[in-house]
N, C-alpha and C. Protein backbone atom coordinates (compact mmCIF):
# COMPACT_ATOMS: atom_id res chain seq x y z
N MET A 1 82.13 249.63 105.26
CA MET A 1 81.39 249.18 106.41
C MET A 1 81.12 250.38 107.33
N ARG A 2 79.89 250.56 107.72
CA ARG A 2 79.52 251.64 108.63
C ARG A 2 79.60 251.13 110.06
N VAL A 3 80.23 251.91 110.91
CA VAL A 3 80.38 251.53 112.31
C VAL A 3 79.47 252.42 113.15
N ASP A 4 78.69 251.81 114.00
CA ASP A 4 77.86 252.55 114.93
C ASP A 4 78.72 252.93 116.13
N ALA A 5 79.28 254.15 116.10
CA ALA A 5 80.25 254.57 117.12
C ALA A 5 79.63 254.64 118.50
N THR A 6 78.38 255.08 118.58
CA THR A 6 77.72 255.17 119.89
C THR A 6 77.58 253.80 120.52
N ARG A 7 77.14 252.84 119.75
CA ARG A 7 76.97 251.48 120.27
C ARG A 7 78.32 250.89 120.67
N LEU A 8 79.35 251.12 119.87
CA LEU A 8 80.68 250.60 120.18
C LEU A 8 81.23 251.23 121.46
N CYS A 9 81.03 252.54 121.64
CA CYS A 9 81.50 253.21 122.86
C CYS A 9 80.79 252.65 124.09
N LEU A 10 79.49 252.44 124.01
CA LEU A 10 78.76 251.89 125.14
C LEU A 10 79.22 250.47 125.45
N TYR A 11 79.51 249.70 124.41
CA TYR A 11 80.00 248.34 124.60
C TYR A 11 81.35 248.36 125.32
N ILE A 12 82.24 249.26 124.93
CA ILE A 12 83.56 249.36 125.56
C ILE A 12 83.44 249.82 127.01
N VAL A 13 82.52 250.75 127.28
CA VAL A 13 82.30 251.18 128.67
C VAL A 13 81.82 250.00 129.51
N ASP A 14 80.90 249.19 128.99
CA ASP A 14 80.44 248.01 129.72
C ASP A 14 81.57 247.02 129.93
N LEU A 15 82.41 246.85 128.94
CA LEU A 15 83.55 245.94 129.06
C LEU A 15 84.54 246.46 130.10
N ALA A 16 84.73 247.77 130.16
CA ALA A 16 85.64 248.37 131.14
C ALA A 16 85.14 248.16 132.57
N LYS A 17 83.83 248.11 132.74
CA LYS A 17 83.27 247.92 134.08
C LYS A 17 83.60 246.55 134.66
N VAL A 18 83.82 245.56 133.81
CA VAL A 18 84.08 244.20 134.31
C VAL A 18 85.53 243.76 134.13
N SER A 19 86.35 244.58 133.48
CA SER A 19 87.74 244.20 133.23
C SER A 19 88.61 244.39 134.47
N LEU A 20 89.47 243.44 134.73
CA LEU A 20 90.43 243.57 135.82
C LEU A 20 91.57 244.51 135.46
N HIS A 21 91.69 244.87 134.18
CA HIS A 21 92.83 245.65 133.69
C HIS A 21 92.51 247.12 133.45
N VAL A 22 91.31 247.57 133.77
CA VAL A 22 90.87 248.91 133.38
C VAL A 22 91.69 250.02 134.05
N LEU A 23 92.29 249.79 135.19
CA LEU A 23 93.06 250.83 135.87
C LEU A 23 94.48 250.98 135.33
N ASP A 24 94.89 250.08 134.45
CA ASP A 24 96.24 250.13 133.88
C ASP A 24 96.12 250.16 132.35
N PRO A 25 96.34 251.34 131.73
CA PRO A 25 96.17 251.43 130.28
C PRO A 25 97.07 250.49 129.50
N ALA A 26 98.25 250.17 130.04
CA ALA A 26 99.17 249.27 129.34
C ALA A 26 98.63 247.84 129.32
N ARG A 27 97.75 247.50 130.21
CA ARG A 27 97.12 246.17 130.19
C ARG A 27 95.74 246.20 129.54
N PHE A 28 95.01 247.32 129.70
CA PHE A 28 93.66 247.40 129.15
C PHE A 28 93.67 247.48 127.63
N ALA A 29 94.62 248.18 127.03
CA ALA A 29 94.67 248.33 125.57
C ALA A 29 94.80 246.98 124.87
N PRO A 30 95.79 246.13 125.21
CA PRO A 30 95.85 244.84 124.53
C PRO A 30 94.67 243.93 124.88
N TYR A 31 94.17 244.02 126.10
CA TYR A 31 93.00 243.24 126.50
C TYR A 31 91.81 243.58 125.59
N LEU A 32 91.58 244.87 125.39
CA LEU A 32 90.48 245.32 124.55
C LEU A 32 90.69 244.91 123.09
N ALA A 33 91.91 245.09 122.58
CA ALA A 33 92.20 244.73 121.18
C ALA A 33 91.99 243.24 120.93
N VAL A 34 92.52 242.41 121.80
CA VAL A 34 92.38 240.95 121.62
C VAL A 34 90.91 240.55 121.76
N HIS A 35 90.21 241.16 122.71
CA HIS A 35 88.79 240.85 122.88
C HIS A 35 87.99 241.13 121.60
N LEU A 36 88.22 242.30 121.00
CA LEU A 36 87.49 242.65 119.78
C LEU A 36 87.87 241.75 118.61
N LEU A 37 89.15 241.37 118.50
CA LEU A 37 89.57 240.49 117.41
C LEU A 37 89.00 239.09 117.56
N LEU A 38 88.86 238.62 118.78
CA LEU A 38 88.29 237.30 119.00
C LEU A 38 86.77 237.31 118.86
N ARG A 39 86.16 238.42 119.17
CA ARG A 39 84.70 238.52 119.14
C ARG A 39 84.14 238.63 117.72
N TYR A 40 84.84 239.36 116.84
CA TYR A 40 84.35 239.62 115.49
C TYR A 40 85.28 238.98 114.47
N ALA A 41 84.71 238.39 113.43
CA ALA A 41 85.49 237.65 112.44
C ALA A 41 86.11 238.55 111.36
N HIS A 42 85.51 239.68 111.05
CA HIS A 42 85.95 240.48 109.91
C HIS A 42 87.19 241.34 110.12
N PRO A 43 87.53 241.84 111.32
CA PRO A 43 88.75 242.67 111.42
C PRO A 43 90.02 241.84 111.30
N ARG A 44 91.02 242.41 110.67
CA ARG A 44 92.32 241.76 110.54
C ARG A 44 93.32 242.31 111.57
N ALA A 45 93.00 243.49 112.10
CA ALA A 45 93.88 244.13 113.09
C ALA A 45 93.04 245.09 113.94
N ALA A 46 93.56 245.42 115.10
CA ALA A 46 92.91 246.39 115.98
C ALA A 46 93.94 247.43 116.39
N PHE A 47 93.55 248.68 116.28
CA PHE A 47 94.40 249.81 116.67
C PHE A 47 93.76 250.47 117.88
N MET A 48 94.46 250.51 118.98
CA MET A 48 93.91 251.05 120.22
C MET A 48 94.76 252.22 120.72
N THR A 49 94.09 253.26 121.17
CA THR A 49 94.72 254.34 121.90
C THR A 49 93.94 254.50 123.19
N VAL A 50 94.60 254.30 124.31
CA VAL A 50 93.95 254.40 125.62
C VAL A 50 94.66 255.49 126.41
N GLU A 51 93.88 256.45 126.89
CA GLU A 51 94.42 257.52 127.73
C GLU A 51 93.84 257.40 129.12
N GLN A 52 94.70 257.60 130.10
CA GLN A 52 94.25 257.62 131.48
C GLN A 52 94.56 259.00 132.05
N LEU A 53 93.51 259.67 132.53
CA LEU A 53 93.65 261.00 133.11
C LEU A 53 93.42 260.91 134.61
N ARG A 54 93.99 261.84 135.33
CA ARG A 54 93.84 261.84 136.79
C ARG A 54 92.59 262.63 137.16
N TRP A 55 91.67 261.98 137.87
CA TRP A 55 90.42 262.59 138.32
C TRP A 55 90.30 262.45 139.82
N GLU A 56 89.63 263.40 140.44
CA GLU A 56 89.39 263.38 141.89
C GLU A 56 87.91 263.64 142.13
N ARG A 57 87.34 262.99 143.13
CA ARG A 57 85.94 263.23 143.47
C ARG A 57 85.77 264.65 144.02
N ILE A 58 84.66 265.28 143.67
CA ILE A 58 84.33 266.58 144.23
C ILE A 58 83.76 266.36 145.62
N GLU A 59 84.35 267.05 146.57
CA GLU A 59 83.89 266.92 147.96
C GLU A 59 82.59 267.70 148.15
N ALA A 60 81.63 267.06 148.81
CA ALA A 60 80.39 267.73 149.17
C ALA A 60 80.50 268.16 150.62
N ALA A 61 80.20 269.41 150.89
CA ALA A 61 80.35 269.93 152.25
C ALA A 61 79.40 269.23 153.22
N VAL A 62 78.15 269.05 152.81
CA VAL A 62 77.15 268.44 153.69
C VAL A 62 76.29 267.51 152.84
N SER A 63 75.96 266.36 153.40
CA SER A 63 75.09 265.42 152.69
C SER A 63 73.63 265.84 152.84
N CYS A 64 72.73 265.13 152.20
CA CYS A 64 71.30 265.44 152.28
C CYS A 64 70.77 265.29 153.70
N THR A 65 71.42 264.44 154.50
CA THR A 65 70.96 264.22 155.88
C THR A 65 71.57 265.21 156.85
N GLY A 66 72.43 266.11 156.37
CA GLY A 66 73.04 267.10 157.24
C GLY A 66 74.38 266.69 157.81
N GLU A 67 74.82 265.47 157.53
CA GLU A 67 76.10 264.99 158.02
C GLU A 67 77.22 265.41 157.07
N ALA A 68 78.44 265.44 157.58
CA ALA A 68 79.59 265.72 156.72
C ALA A 68 79.68 264.62 155.67
N ALA A 69 79.87 265.00 154.44
CA ALA A 69 79.84 264.02 153.35
C ALA A 69 81.23 263.78 152.80
N ALA A 70 81.41 262.61 152.25
CA ALA A 70 82.64 262.28 151.54
C ALA A 70 82.48 262.77 150.10
N GLY A 71 83.30 262.25 149.20
CA GLY A 71 83.19 262.64 147.80
C GLY A 71 81.86 262.23 147.19
N HIS A 72 81.36 263.04 146.29
CA HIS A 72 80.11 262.74 145.60
C HIS A 72 80.34 261.57 144.64
N LYS A 73 79.38 260.63 144.54
CA LYS A 73 79.56 259.43 143.72
C LYS A 73 79.74 259.73 142.24
N HIS A 74 79.11 260.78 141.75
CA HIS A 74 79.08 261.01 140.30
C HIS A 74 79.70 262.33 139.88
N ALA A 75 80.43 263.00 140.76
CA ALA A 75 81.00 264.30 140.41
C ALA A 75 82.52 264.26 140.57
N PHE A 76 83.22 264.62 139.49
CA PHE A 76 84.68 264.58 139.47
C PHE A 76 85.23 265.85 138.86
N TRP A 77 86.46 266.16 139.17
CA TRP A 77 87.18 267.25 138.52
C TRP A 77 88.56 266.75 138.14
N ARG A 78 89.12 267.34 137.11
CA ARG A 78 90.43 266.95 136.60
C ARG A 78 91.49 267.42 137.57
N ASP A 79 92.26 266.50 138.11
CA ASP A 79 93.25 266.80 139.15
C ASP A 79 94.65 266.78 138.53
N GLY A 80 95.08 267.91 138.02
CA GLY A 80 96.42 268.01 137.45
C GLY A 80 96.48 267.64 135.98
N ALA A 81 97.68 267.69 135.44
CA ALA A 81 97.88 267.46 134.01
C ALA A 81 98.41 266.06 133.70
N GLU A 82 98.51 265.22 134.71
CA GLU A 82 99.06 263.87 134.49
C GLU A 82 98.19 263.10 133.50
N LYS A 83 98.86 262.49 132.52
CA LYS A 83 98.16 261.70 131.52
C LYS A 83 99.04 260.53 131.11
N ARG A 84 98.47 259.34 131.10
CA ARG A 84 99.18 258.16 130.61
C ARG A 84 98.50 257.73 129.31
N CYS A 85 99.30 257.49 128.29
CA CYS A 85 98.76 257.14 126.98
C CYS A 85 99.46 255.90 126.46
N VAL A 86 98.68 254.96 125.94
CA VAL A 86 99.21 253.75 125.33
C VAL A 86 98.59 253.60 123.95
N GLU A 87 99.43 253.38 122.95
CA GLU A 87 98.95 253.11 121.59
C GLU A 87 99.48 251.74 121.17
N ILE A 88 98.57 250.88 120.73
CA ILE A 88 99.01 249.56 120.28
C ILE A 88 98.31 249.20 118.97
N GLU A 89 98.92 248.29 118.27
CA GLU A 89 98.34 247.68 117.08
C GLU A 89 98.50 246.18 117.25
N VAL A 90 97.39 245.46 117.18
CA VAL A 90 97.43 244.01 117.29
C VAL A 90 96.87 243.45 115.99
N ALA A 91 97.67 242.62 115.31
CA ALA A 91 97.24 241.99 114.07
C ALA A 91 96.88 240.54 114.34
N CYS A 92 95.91 240.03 113.59
CA CYS A 92 95.48 238.64 113.77
C CYS A 92 96.61 237.66 113.48
N LYS A 93 97.45 237.99 112.51
CA LYS A 93 98.53 237.06 112.14
C LYS A 93 99.86 237.58 112.65
N GLY A 94 100.07 237.40 113.91
CA GLY A 94 101.38 237.60 114.53
C GLY A 94 101.92 238.99 114.60
N GLY A 95 101.25 239.89 115.24
CA GLY A 95 101.88 241.19 115.37
C GLY A 95 101.35 241.99 116.53
N LEU A 96 102.27 242.66 117.18
CA LEU A 96 101.93 243.59 118.24
C LEU A 96 102.93 244.73 118.18
N ARG A 97 102.43 245.94 117.95
CA ARG A 97 103.27 247.13 118.03
C ARG A 97 102.77 247.97 119.18
N TRP A 98 103.67 248.56 119.92
CA TRP A 98 103.34 249.17 121.19
C TRP A 98 104.06 250.49 121.36
N HIS A 99 103.36 251.50 121.84
CA HIS A 99 103.97 252.77 122.23
C HIS A 99 103.29 253.23 123.49
N SER A 100 104.08 253.53 124.51
CA SER A 100 103.53 253.97 125.78
C SER A 100 104.16 255.31 126.16
N ASP A 101 103.33 256.21 126.67
CA ASP A 101 103.81 257.51 127.10
C ASP A 101 103.15 257.83 128.43
N ALA A 102 103.93 257.90 129.49
CA ALA A 102 103.39 258.21 130.80
C ALA A 102 103.59 259.66 131.16
N GLY A 103 103.86 260.49 130.18
CA GLY A 103 104.13 261.91 130.42
C GLY A 103 102.90 262.70 130.79
N GLY A 104 103.11 263.98 131.13
CA GLY A 104 102.01 264.81 131.58
C GLY A 104 101.50 265.74 130.57
């Protein structure tokens, strides 16, 4: 079976925009796995790896109107080495394996 990775990534990004669990990788990973297993009939299991990195908005010195500006809406930089990683496996017939690493 050929998987259209670009389409799948865009679908997951859209799903992340509406998920209440997107800020917590330990909740988003099983949410995403169960969602995909319920949505499609052919998979027997879902393997998810979710990483959360620390990002900060880039401060703009002056806005277009000349006023002091807050962070730019679309510009970020990596703030430190903190990384949270969750790996799970969810099987259709009774299984959940979980590994979480909140290290940096």
